[in-house]
């Protein structure tokens, strides 16, 4: 199966409590992560993280599922397509 580009949206409630568990999952999948951006929301004690991943769709789904297992975390992703599409050129 070909690798695809996936963009994850992750909402972390009570980030001071659940953030370390989220970080552990991100570290576990670090070799697939192309970029990561985090935005803390101090007024609401939650944070938003966006992550761009290059991986096979099954791997991305497992990553999402591992994030969802963390209490206070809502996560999903969009598959943007193949990382290396066959363009037919040399």
PDB file of N, CA and C in Angstrom:
ATOM      1  N   UNK A   1       0.840  -1.174   0.000  1.00  0.00           N
ATOM      2  CA  UNK A   1       0.000   0.000   0.000  1.00  0.00           C
ATOM      3  C   UNK A   1       0.889   1.242   0.000  1.00  0.00           C
ATOM      4  N   UNK A   2       0.520   2.251  -0.750  1.00  0.00           N
ATOM      5  CA  UNK A   2       1.317   3.461  -0.889  1.00  0.00           C
ATOM      6  C   UNK A   2       1.136   4.399   0.301  1.00  0.00           C
ATOM      7  N   UNK A   3       2.193   5.133   0.603  1.00  0.00           N
ATOM      8  CA  UNK A   3       2.095   6.132   1.656  1.00  0.00           C
ATOM      9  C   UNK A   3       1.298   7.329   1.160  1.00  0.00           C
ATOM     10  N   UNK A   4       0.563   7.937   2.069  1.00  0.00           N
ATOM     11  CA  UNK A   4      -0.241   9.115   1.766  1.00  0.00           C
ATOM     12  C   UNK A   4       0.121  10.226   2.740  1.00  0.00           C
ATOM     13  N   UNK A   5      -0.324  11.427   2.402  1.00  0.00           N
ATOM     14  CA  UNK A   5      -0.176  12.568   3.291  1.00  0.00           C
ATOM     15  C   UNK A   5      -1.490  12.721   4.050  1.00  0.00           C
ATOM     16  N   UNK A   6      -1.397  12.814   5.367  1.00  0.00           N
ATOM     17  CA  UNK A   6      -2.564  12.961   6.236  1.00  0.00           C
ATOM     18  C   UNK A   6      -2.364  14.193   7.112  1.00  0.00           C
ATOM     19  N   UNK A   7      -3.435  14.950   7.305  1.00  0.00           N
ATOM     20  CA  UNK A   7      -3.391  16.088   8.215  1.00  0.00           C
ATOM     21  C   UNK A   7      -4.323  15.775   9.382  1.00  0.00           C
ATOM     22  N   UNK A   8      -3.750  15.781  10.580  1.00  0.00           N
ATOM     23  CA  UNK A   8      -4.484  15.475  11.806  1.00  0.00           C
ATOM     24  C   UNK A   8      -4.885  16.759  12.507  1.00  0.00           C
ATOM     25  N   UNK A   9      -6.076  16.748  13.081  1.00  0.00           N
ATOM     26  CA  UNK A   9      -6.512  17.783  14.009  1.00  0.00           C
ATOM     27  C   UNK A   9      -6.703  17.128  15.361  1.00  0.00           C
ATOM     28  N   UNK A  10      -6.073  17.683  16.381  1.00  0.00           N
ATOM     29  CA  UNK A  10      -6.120  17.097  17.721  1.00  0.00           C
ATOM     30  C   UNK A  10      -6.523  18.189  18.709  1.00  0.00           C
ATOM     31  N   UNK A  11      -7.587  17.945  19.455  1.00  0.00           N
ATOM     32  CA  UNK A  11      -8.030  18.854  20.509  1.00  0.00           C
ATOM     33  C   UNK A  11      -7.763  18.171  21.838  1.00  0.00           C
ATOM     34  N   UNK A  12      -7.006  18.847  22.709  1.00  0.00           N
ATOM     35  CA  UNK A  12      -6.633  18.281  23.997  1.00  0.00           C
ATOM     36  C   UNK A  12      -7.310  19.096  25.102  1.00  0.00           C
ATOM     37  N   UNK A  13      -8.275  18.479  25.757  1.00  0.00           N
ATOM     38  CA  UNK A  13      -8.923  19.111  26.908  1.00  0.00           C
ATOM     39  C   UNK A  13      -8.007  18.943  28.121  1.00  0.00           C
ATOM     40  N   UNK A  14      -8.019  19.892  29.019  1.00  0.00           N
ATOM     41  CA  UNK A  14      -7.177  19.860  30.219  1.00  0.00           C
ATOM     42  C   UNK A  14      -5.744  19.472  29.847  1.00  0.00           C
ATOM     43  N   UNK A  15      -5.151  20.305  29.011  1.00  0.00           N
ATOM     44  CA  UNK A  15      -3.843  19.961  28.439  1.00  0.00           C
ATOM     45  C   UNK A  15      -2.766  19.739  29.481  1.00  0.00           C
ATOM     46  N   UNK A  16      -2.860  20.409  30.623  1.00  0.00           N
ATOM     47  CA  UNK A  16      -1.863  20.182  31.684  1.00  0.00           C
ATOM     48  C   UNK A  16      -1.947  18.758  32.216  1.00  0.00           C
ATOM     49  N   UNK A  17      -3.127  18.179  32.174  1.00  0.00           N
ATOM     50  CA  UNK A  17      -3.340  16.818  32.671  1.00  0.00           C
ATOM     51  C   UNK A  17      -3.055  15.792  31.578  1.00  0.00           C
ATOM     52  N   UNK A  18      -3.600  16.012  30.393  1.00  0.00           N
ATOM     53  CA  UNK A  18      -3.535  15.005  29.326  1.00  0.00           C
ATOM     54  C   UNK A  18      -2.389  15.219  28.328  1.00  0.00           C
ATOM     55  N   UNK A  19      -1.774  16.391  28.356  1.00  0.00           N
ATOM     56  CA  UNK A  19      -0.695  16.696  27.421  1.00  0.00           C
ATOM     57  C   UNK A  19       0.451  15.700  27.423  1.00  0.00           C
ATOM     58  N   UNK A  20       0.939  15.270  28.594  1.00  0.00           N
ATOM     59  CA  UNK A  20       2.041  14.298  28.603  1.00  0.00           C
ATOM     60  C   UNK A  20       1.686  12.977  27.897  1.00  0.00           C
ATOM     61  N   UNK A  21       0.435  12.524  28.027  1.00  0.00           N
ATOM     62  CA  UNK A  21       0.029  11.288  27.347  1.00  0.00           C
ATOM     63  C   UNK A  21      -0.041  11.497  25.835  1.00  0.00           C
ATOM     64  N   UNK A  22      -0.493  12.671  25.419  1.00  0.00           N
ATOM     65  CA  UNK A  22      -0.517  12.996  23.990  1.00  0.00           C
ATOM     66  C   UNK A  22       0.907  13.035  23.458  1.00  0.00           C
ATOM     67  N   UNK A  23       1.808  13.669  24.203  1.00  0.00           N
ATOM     68  CA  UNK A  23       3.209  13.744  23.779  1.00  0.00           C
ATOM     69  C   UNK A  23       3.813  12.353  23.615  1.00  0.00           C
ATOM     70  N   UNK A  24       3.456  11.437  24.488  1.00  0.00           N
ATOM     71  CA  UNK A  24       3.973  10.061  24.385  1.00  0.00           C
ATOM     72  C   UNK A  24       3.530   9.411  23.075  1.00  0.00           C
ATOM     73  N   UNK A  25       2.273   9.614  22.694  1.00  0.00           N
ATOM     74  CA  UNK A  25       1.778   9.048  21.428  1.00  0.00           C
ATOM     75  C   UNK A  25       2.483   9.718  20.253  1.00  0.00           C
ATOM     76  N   UNK A  26       2.616  11.041  20.289  1.00  0.00           N
ATOM     77  CA  UNK A  26       3.301  11.745  19.201  1.00  0.00           C
ATOM     78  C   UNK A  26       4.741  11.267  19.049  1.00  0.00           C
ATOM     79  N   UNK A  27       5.411  11.042  20.160  1.00  0.00           N
ATOM     80  CA  UNK A  27       6.788  10.557  20.114  1.00  0.00           C
ATOM     81  C   UNK A  27       6.859   9.166  19.486  1.00  0.00           C
ATOM     82  N   UNK A  28       5.895   8.315  19.835  1.00  0.00           N
ATOM     83  CA  UNK A  28       5.862   6.955  19.294  1.00  0.00           C
ATOM     84  C   UNK A  28       5.727   6.961  17.766  1.00  0.00           C
ATOM     85  N   UNK A  29       5.006   7.934  17.227  1.00  0.00           N
ATOM     86  CA  UNK A  29       4.782   8.013  15.782  1.00  0.00           C
ATOM     87  C   UNK A  29       5.677   9.061  15.112  1.00  0.00           C
ATOM     88  N   UNK A  30       6.666   9.538  15.828  1.00  0.00           N
ATOM     89  CA  UNK A  30       7.516  10.631  15.361  1.00  0.00           C
ATOM     90  C   UNK A  30       8.162  10.422  14.014  1.00  0.00           C
ATOM     91  N   UNK A  31       8.514   9.197  13.658  1.00  0.00           N
ATOM     92  CA  UNK A  31       9.191   8.965  12.381  1.00  0.00           C
ATOM     93  C   UNK A  31       8.270   9.202  11.186  1.00  0.00           C
ATOM     94  N   UNK A  32       6.961   9.272  11.419  1.00  0.00           N
ATOM     95  CA  UNK A  32       6.004   9.530  10.337  1.00  0.00           C
ATOM     96  C   UNK A  32       5.591  10.992  10.254  1.00  0.00           C
ATOM     97  N   UNK A  33       5.945  11.777  11.262  1.00  0.00           N
ATOM     98  CA  UNK A  33       5.485  13.169  11.332  1.00  0.00           C
ATOM     99  C   UNK A  33       6.381  14.074  10.492  1.00  0.00           C
ATOM    100  N   UNK A  34       5.736  14.822   9.586  1.00  0.00           N
ATOM    101  CA  UNK A  34       6.444  15.795   8.751  1.00  0.00           C
ATOM    102  C   UNK A  34       6.455  17.175   9.402  1.00  0.00           C
ATOM    103  N   UNK A  35       5.342  17.545  10.040  1.00  0.00           N
ATOM    104  CA  UNK A  35       5.270  18.837  10.721  1.00  0.00           C
ATOM    105  C   UNK A  35       4.265  18.759  11.854  1.00  0.00           C
ATOM    106  N   UNK A  36       4.446  19.693  12.794  1.00  0.00           N
ATOM    107  CA  UNK A  36       3.568  19.741  13.970  1.00  0.00           C
ATOM    108  C   UNK A  36       3.443  21.187  14.414  1.00  0.00           C
ATOM    109  N   UNK A  37       2.220  21.587  14.737  1.00  0.00           N
ATOM    110  CA  UNK A  37       1.966  22.939  15.205  1.00  0.00           C
ATOM    111  C   UNK A  37       1.000  22.866  16.376  1.00  0.00           C
ATOM    112  N   UNK A  38       1.356  23.482  17.490  1.00  0.00           N
ATOM    113  CA  UNK A  38       0.491  23.462  18.656  1.00  0.00           C
ATOM    114  C   UNK A  38       0.072  24.857  19.051  1.00  0.00           C
ATOM    115  N   UNK A  39      -1.193  24.995  19.423  1.00  0.00           N
ATOM    116  CA  UNK A  39      -1.724  26.279  19.857  1.00  0.00           C
ATOM    117  C   UNK A  39      -2.377  26.086  21.217  1.00  0.00           C
ATOM    118  N   UNK A  40      -1.756  26.571  22.286  1.00  0.00           N
ATOM    119  CA  UNK A  40      -2.392  26.457  23.596  1.00  0.00           C
ATOM    120  C   UNK A  40      -3.524  27.475  23.709  1.00  0.00           C
ATOM    121  N   UNK A  41      -4.510  27.143  24.461  1.00  0.00           N
ATOM    122  CA  UNK A  41      -5.625  28.056  24.726  1.00  0.00           C
ATOM    123  C   UNK A  41      -5.686  28.271  26.229  1.00  0.00           C
ATOM    124  N   UNK A  42      -4.838  29.181  26.768  1.00  0.00           N
ATOM    125  CA  UNK A  42      -4.731  29.349  28.213  1.00  0.00           C
ATOM    126  C   UNK A  42      -6.053  29.685  28.895  1.00  0.00           C
ATOM    127  N   UNK A  43      -6.923  30.404  28.218  1.00  0.00           N
ATOM    128  CA  UNK A  43      -8.182  30.792  28.851  1.00  0.00           C
ATOM    129  C   UNK A  43      -9.130  29.622  29.035  1.00  0.00           C
ATOM    130  N   UNK A  44      -8.911  28.547  28.301  1.00  0.00           N
ATOM    131  CA  UNK A  44      -9.801  27.389  28.389  1.00  0.00           C
ATOM    132  C   UNK A  44      -9.071  26.115  28.791  1.00  0.00           C
ATOM    133  N   UNK A  45      -7.809  26.224  29.112  1.00  0.00           N
ATOM    134  CA  UNK A  45      -6.965  25.097  29.520  1.00  0.00           C
ATOM    135  C   UNK A  45      -7.011  23.929  28.544  1.00  0.00           C
ATOM    136  N   UNK A  46      -7.117  24.248  27.280  1.00  0.00           N
ATOM    137  CA  UNK A  46      -7.065  23.199  26.264  1.00  0.00           C
ATOM    138  C   UNK A  46      -6.122  23.642  25.165  1.00  0.00           C
ATOM    139  N   UNK A  47      -5.794  22.729  24.294  1.00  0.00           N
ATOM    140  CA  UNK A  47      -4.888  23.044  23.202  1.00  0.00           C
ATOM    141  C   UNK A  47      -5.328  22.388  21.916  1.00  0.00           C
ATOM    142  N   UNK A  48      -4.887  22.978  20.819  1.00  0.00           N
ATOM    143  CA  UNK A  48      -5.154  22.438  19.491  1.00  0.00           C
ATOM    144  C   UNK A  48      -3.807  22.132  18.853  1.00  0.00           C
ATOM    145  N   UNK A  49      -3.691  20.930  18.303  1.00  0.00           N
ATOM    146  CA  UNK A  49      -2.462  20.509  17.631  1.00  0.00           C
ATOM    147  C   UNK A  49      -2.833  20.076  16.225  1.00  0.00           C
ATOM    148  N   UNK A  50      -2.051  20.524  15.249  1.00  0.00           N
ATOM    149  CA  UNK A  50      -2.176  19.991  13.896  1.00  0.00           C
ATOM    150  C   UNK A  50      -0.873  19.275  13.565  1.00  0.00           C
ATOM    151  N   UNK A  51      -1.009  18.124  12.942  1.00  0.00           N
ATOM    152  CA  UNK A  51       0.143  17.291  12.605  1.00  0.00           C
ATOM    153  C   UNK A  51      -0.014  16.811  11.171  1.00  0.00           C
ATOM    154  N   UNK A  52       1.040  16.930  10.384  1.00  0.00           N
ATOM    155  CA  UNK A  52       1.061  16.390   9.028  1.00  0.00           C
ATOM    156  C   UNK A  52       1.911  15.126   9.055  1.00  0.00           C
ATOM    157  N   UNK A  53       1.342  14.052   8.527  1.00  0.00           N
ATOM    158  CA  UNK A  53       1.966  12.734   8.606  1.00  0.00           C
ATOM    159  C   UNK A  53       2.076  12.133   7.216  1.00  0.00           C
ATOM    160  N   UNK A  54       3.182  11.456   6.958  1.00  0.00           N
ATOM    161  CA  UNK A  54       3.336  10.668   5.740  1.00  0.00           C
ATOM    162  C   UNK A  54       3.386   9.209   6.154  1.00  0.00           C
ATOM    163  N   UNK A  55       2.349   8.459   5.793  1.00  0.00           N
ATOM    164  CA  UNK A  55       2.260   7.062   6.219  1.00  0.00           C
ATOM    165  C   UNK A  55       1.208   6.339   5.391  1.00  0.00           C
ATOM    166  N   UNK A  56       1.217   5.032   5.496  1.00  0.00           N
ATOM    167  CA  UNK A  56       0.153   4.244   4.884  1.00  0.00           C
ATOM    168  C   UNK A  56      -1.144   4.528   5.636  1.00  0.00           C
ATOM    169  N   UNK A  57      -2.280   4.490   4.958  1.00  0.00           N
ATOM    170  CA  UNK A  57      -3.559   4.804   5.617  1.00  0.00           C
ATOM    171  C   UNK A  57      -3.828   3.985   6.880  1.00  0.00           C
ATOM    172  N   UNK A  58      -3.461   2.715   6.900  1.00  0.00           N
ATOM    173  CA  UNK A  58      -3.678   1.894   8.088  1.00  0.00           C
ATOM    174  C   UNK A  58      -2.855   2.398   9.281  1.00  0.00           C
ATOM    175  N   UNK A  59      -1.635   2.850   9.000  1.00  0.00           N
ATOM    176  CA  UNK A  59      -0.761   3.386  10.048  1.00  0.00           C
ATOM    177  C   UNK A  59      -1.355   4.686  10.598  1.00  0.00           C
ATOM    178  N   UNK A  60      -1.865   5.533   9.715  1.00  0.00           N
ATOM    179  CA  UNK A  60      -2.483   6.790  10.148  1.00  0.00           C
ATOM    180  C   UNK A  60      -3.719   6.514  11.004  1.00  0.00           C
ATOM    181  N   UNK A  61      -4.503   5.525  10.628  1.00  0.00           N
ATOM    182  CA  UNK A  61      -5.698   5.177  11.402  1.00  0.00           C
ATOM    183  C   UNK A  61      -5.311   4.667  12.792  1.00  0.00           C
ATOM    184  N   UNK A  62      -4.227   3.904  12.878  1.00  0.00           N
ATOM    185  CA  UNK A  62      -3.765   3.414  14.178  1.00  0.00           C
ATOM    186  C   UNK A  62      -3.282   4.580  15.040  1.00  0.00           C
ATOM    187  N   UNK A  63      -2.591   5.520  14.428  1.00  0.00           N
ATOM    188  CA  UNK A  63      -2.132   6.725  15.120  1.00  0.00           C
ATOM    189  C   UNK A  63      -3.348   7.470  15.693  1.00  0.00           C
ATOM    190  N   UNK A  64      -4.362   7.689  14.867  1.00  0.00           N
ATOM    191  CA  UNK A  64      -5.581   8.355  15.326  1.00  0.00           C
ATOM    192  C   UNK A  64      -6.232   7.602  16.484  1.00  0.00           C
ATOM    193  N   UNK A  65      -6.332   6.298  16.337  1.00  0.00           N
ATOM    194  CA  UNK A  65      -6.966   5.491  17.378  1.00  0.00           C
ATOM    195  C   UNK A  65      -6.192   5.561  18.692  1.00  0.00           C
ATOM    196  N   UNK A  66      -4.852   5.563  18.612  1.00  0.00           N
ATOM    197  CA  UNK A  66      -4.041   5.680  19.832  1.00  0.00           C
ATOM    198  C   UNK A  66      -4.243   7.041  20.496  1.00  0.00           C
ATOM    199  N   UNK A  67      -4.378   8.098  19.692  1.00  0.00           N
ATOM    200  CA  UNK A  67      -4.661   9.415  20.256  1.00  0.00           C
ATOM    201  C   UNK A  67      -6.026   9.432  20.931  1.00  0.00           C
ATOM    202  N   UNK A  68      -7.017   8.832  20.302  1.00  0.00           N
ATOM    203  CA  UNK A  68      -8.373   8.820  20.851  1.00  0.00           C
ATOM    204  C   UNK A  68      -8.479   8.039  22.157  1.00  0.00           C
ATOM    205  N   UNK A  69      -7.546   7.143  22.398  1.00  0.00           N
ATOM    206  CA  UNK A  69      -7.552   6.378  23.650  1.00  0.00           C
ATOM    207  C   UNK A  69      -7.129   7.221  24.855  1.00  0.00           C
ATOM    208  N   UNK A  70      -6.529   8.373  24.587  1.00  0.00           N
ATOM    209  CA  UNK A  70      -6.111   9.266  25.667  1.00  0.00           C
ATOM    210  C   UNK A  70      -7.337  10.049  26.136  1.00  0.00           C
ATOM    211  N   UNK A  71      -7.593  10.020  27.438  1.00  0.00           N
ATOM    212  CA  UNK A  71      -8.716  10.772  27.996  1.00  0.00           C
ATOM    213  C   UNK A  71      -8.610  12.244  27.615  1.00  0.00           C
ATOM    214  N   UNK A  72      -9.732  12.858  27.281  1.00  0.00           N
ATOM    215  CA  UNK A  72      -9.767  14.282  26.989  1.00  0.00           C
ATOM    216  C   UNK A  72      -9.250  14.667  25.625  1.00  0.00           C
ATOM    217  N   UNK A  73      -9.034  13.688  24.748  1.00  0.00           N
ATOM    218  CA  UNK A  73      -8.487  13.973  23.424  1.00  0.00           C
ATOM    219  C   UNK A  73      -9.510  13.624  22.347  1.00  0.00           C
ATOM    220  N   UNK A  74      -9.676  14.559  21.429  1.00  0.00           N
ATOM    221  CA  UNK A  74     -10.505  14.356  20.241  1.00  0.00           C
ATOM    222  C   UNK A  74      -9.553  14.469  19.058  1.00  0.00           C
ATOM    223  N   UNK A  75      -9.545  13.464  18.176  1.00  0.00           N
ATOM    224  CA  UNK A  75      -8.602  13.471  17.065  1.00  0.00           C
ATOM    225  C   UNK A  75      -9.235  12.871  15.820  1.00  0.00           C
ATOM    226  N   UNK A  76      -8.889  13.448  14.689  1.00  0.00           N
ATOM    227  CA  UNK A  76      -9.280  12.878  13.400  1.00  0.00           C
ATOM    228  C   UNK A  76      -8.300  13.360  12.353  1.00  0.00           C
ATOM    229  N   UNK A  77      -8.381  12.786  11.164  1.00  0.00           N
ATOM    230  CA  UNK A  77      -7.458  13.185  10.108  1.00  0.00           C
ATOM    231  C   UNK A  77      -8.144  13.159   8.755  1.00  0.00           C
ATOM    232  N   UNK A  78      -7.502  13.839   7.819  1.00  0.00           N
ATOM    233  CA  UNK A  78      -7.930  13.856   6.422  1.00  0.00           C
ATOM    234  C   UNK A  78      -6.784  13.289   5.599  1.00  0.00           C
ATOM    235  N   UNK A  79      -7.091  12.368   4.711  1.00  0.00           N
ATOM    236  CA  UNK A  79      -6.096  11.811   3.796  1.00  0.00           C
ATOM    237  C   UNK A  79      -6.089  12.702   2.559  1.00  0.00           C
ATOM    238  N   UNK A  80      -4.945  13.346   2.282  1.00  0.00           N
ATOM    239  CA  UNK A  80      -4.842  14.260   1.141  1.00  0.00           C
ATOM    240  C   UNK A  80      -4.388  13.562  -0.132  1.00  0.00           C
ATOM    241  N   UNK A  81      -4.060  12.305  -0.058  1.00  0.00           N
ATOM    242  CA  UNK A  81      -3.653  11.572  -1.263  1.00  0.00           C
ATOM    243  C   UNK A  81      -2.258  11.016  -1.148  1.00  0.00           C
ATOM    244  N   UNK A  82      -1.853  10.338  -2.190  1.00  0.00           N
ATOM    245  CA  UNK A  82      -0.554   9.662  -2.206  1.00  0.00           C
ATOM    246  C   UNK A  82       0.588  10.640  -2.038  1.00  0.00           C
ATOM    247  N   UNK A  83       1.593  10.211  -1.271  1.00  0.00           N
ATOM    248  CA  UNK A  83       2.769  11.039  -1.035  1.00  0.00           C
ATOM    249  C   UNK A  83       3.606  11.177  -2.309  1.00  0.00           C
ATOM    250  N   UNK A  84       3.653  10.113  -3.098  1.00  0.00           N
ATOM    251  CA  UNK A  84       4.435  10.123  -4.327  1.00  0.00           C
ATOM    252  C   UNK A  84       3.568   9.626  -5.470  1.00  0.00           C
ATOM    253  N   UNK A  85       2.641  10.461  -5.956  1.00  0.00           N
ATOM    254  CA  UNK A  85       1.744   9.995  -7.005  1.00  0.00           C
ATOM    255  C   UNK A  85       2.511   9.669  -8.283  1.00  0.00           C
ATOM    256  N   UNK A  86       2.035   8.677  -8.985  1.00  0.00           N
ATOM    257  CA  UNK A  86       2.636   8.286 -10.259  1.00  0.00           C
ATOM    258  C   UNK A  86       2.139   9.253 -11.313  1.00  0.00           C
ATOM    259  N   UNK A  87       3.015  10.146 -11.750  1.00  0.00           N
ATOM    260  CA  UNK A  87       2.637  11.141 -12.746  1.00  0.00           C
ATOM    261  C   UNK A  87       2.883  10.681 -14.167  1.00  0.00           C
ATOM    262  N   UNK A  88       3.521   9.511 -14.313  1.00  0.00           N
ATOM    263  CA  UNK A  88       3.774   8.992 -15.636  1.00  0.00           C
ATOM    264  C   UNK A  88       5.009   9.576 -16.303  1.00  0.00           C
ATOM    265  N   UNK A  89       5.691  10.513 -15.646  1.00  0.00           N
ATOM    266  CA  UNK A  89       6.895  11.090 -16.230  1.00  0.00           C
ATOM    267  C   UNK A  89       8.112  10.448 -15.607  1.00  0.00           C
ATOM    268  N   UNK A  90       9.251  10.609 -16.256  1.00  0.00           N
ATOM    269  CA  UNK A  90      10.500  10.043 -15.765  1.00  0.00           C
ATOM    270  C   UNK A  90      11.182  10.899 -14.759  1.00  0.00           C
TER     271      UNK A  90
END
